[in-house]
Protein backbone atom coordinates (compact mmCIF):
# COMPACT_ATOMS: atom_id res chain seq x y z
CA MET A 1 6.82 153.61 113.32
CA SER A 2 9.90 151.23 112.15
CA PRO A 3 12.07 149.98 114.79
CA ARG A 4 15.53 150.96 115.07
CA TYR A 5 17.27 147.38 114.91
CA VAL A 6 15.22 144.58 113.73
CA GLY A 7 17.05 141.33 113.15
CA ARG A 8 20.75 141.25 111.46
CA HIS A 9 22.94 144.18 111.55
CA THR A 10 23.21 145.08 107.64
CA GLY A 11 25.57 148.20 107.79
CA GLY A 12 22.88 150.37 106.92
CA HIS A 13 22.11 148.69 103.52
CA PRO A 14 19.29 146.48 103.11
CA HIS A 15 19.67 142.84 103.02
CA ASP A 16 19.13 141.35 99.64
CA PRO A 17 17.51 137.80 100.21
CA ASN A 18 18.71 136.69 96.71
CA ALA A 19 22.62 137.42 97.48
CA PRO A 20 25.14 134.86 97.50
CA LYS A 21 26.02 133.93 100.63
CA ALA A 22 29.82 133.36 100.28
CA SER A 23 32.24 135.94 101.67
CA PRO A 24 34.46 138.47 99.83
CA PRO A 25 37.72 137.12 98.52
CA LYS A 26 40.98 137.25 101.44
CA PRO A 27 43.71 139.27 99.70
CA PRO A 28 46.62 137.26 99.01
CA ARG A 29 48.82 136.74 102.48
CA THR A 30 52.17 136.66 102.30
CA ALA A 31 54.47 133.91 102.20
CA SER A 32 55.61 133.41 105.41
CA LYS A 33 57.55 129.91 106.77
CA PRO A 34 56.22 128.01 108.96
CA VAL A 35 56.99 127.70 112.69
CA ASP A 36 59.31 124.72 113.35
CA ARG A 37 58.83 122.95 116.38
CA ARG A 38 61.84 121.45 116.37
CA ARG A 39 64.26 124.28 115.72
CA VAL A 40 62.45 126.21 118.59
CA LYS A 41 63.01 123.29 120.88
CA LYS A 42 66.76 123.38 119.90
CA ILE A 43 67.02 126.73 120.64
CA ALA A 44 65.56 126.73 123.68
CA LEU A 45 67.51 123.58 124.64
CA TRP A 46 70.88 125.71 124.05
CA VAL A 47 69.64 128.77 125.60
CA GLY A 48 69.10 126.62 128.79
CA LEU A 49 72.40 124.94 128.55
CA GLY A 50 74.23 128.13 127.96
CA ALA A 51 72.14 129.38 131.23
CA CYS A 52 73.34 126.21 133.07
CA LEU A 53 76.75 126.61 132.05
CA ALA A 54 77.11 130.33 132.94
CA PHE A 55 75.82 129.33 136.08
CA SER A 56 78.01 126.72 136.99
CA ILE A 57 81.09 129.24 136.19
CA ALA A 58 79.91 132.08 138.47
CA VAL A 59 79.46 129.63 141.39
CA LEU A 60 83.38 127.76 140.27
CA ILE A 61 84.40 131.46 140.39
CA GLY A 62 83.02 132.41 143.93
CA LEU A 63 84.25 128.81 145.54
CA VAL A 64 87.54 129.64 144.21
CA GLN A 65 87.56 133.29 145.57
CA GLY A 66 85.89 132.19 148.94
CA PHE A 67 89.67 129.56 149.42
CA TYR A 68 91.65 132.49 148.15
CA GLU A 69 90.09 135.01 150.94
CA MET A 70 90.65 131.98 153.43
CA ASP A 71 94.18 132.12 152.49
CA HIS A 72 94.63 135.59 152.18
CA PRO A 73 92.27 137.48 154.55
CA PRO A 74 91.97 141.06 154.27
CA GLY A 75 92.78 143.18 157.49
CA GLY A 76 95.53 140.89 158.65
CA TRP A 77 93.41 138.35 160.68
CA CYS A 78 94.25 135.00 159.95
CA GLN A 79 93.13 131.32 160.46
CA ASP A 80 94.91 128.43 162.90
CA ASN A 81 94.84 126.21 159.45
CA SER A 82 96.08 128.71 156.95
CA ALA A 83 99.19 127.83 155.13
CA THR A 84 100.38 131.51 154.69
CA CYS A 85 98.82 132.20 158.21
CA VAL A 86 102.51 133.87 160.36
CA HIS A 87 101.71 133.71 163.94
CA PRO A 88 103.92 136.60 165.67
């Protein structure tokens, strides 16, 4: 009676002790450019600066709209310190 698995798995082929231990040659890789970290950092910097600029512009637009709404209130109510407020 022989054991089902003893030692190293050979994939169904008997192990030849005289076989060379070198791995089979790997297929050639396609020529891929290495990642340039400086370029990635520059891209990340410009994306971050663009996001900050967009956020700043959105805040400024909100402030301008808020100040406009103070002087031109919807519905006809007015504040006492408004320059365009007409008191009846």
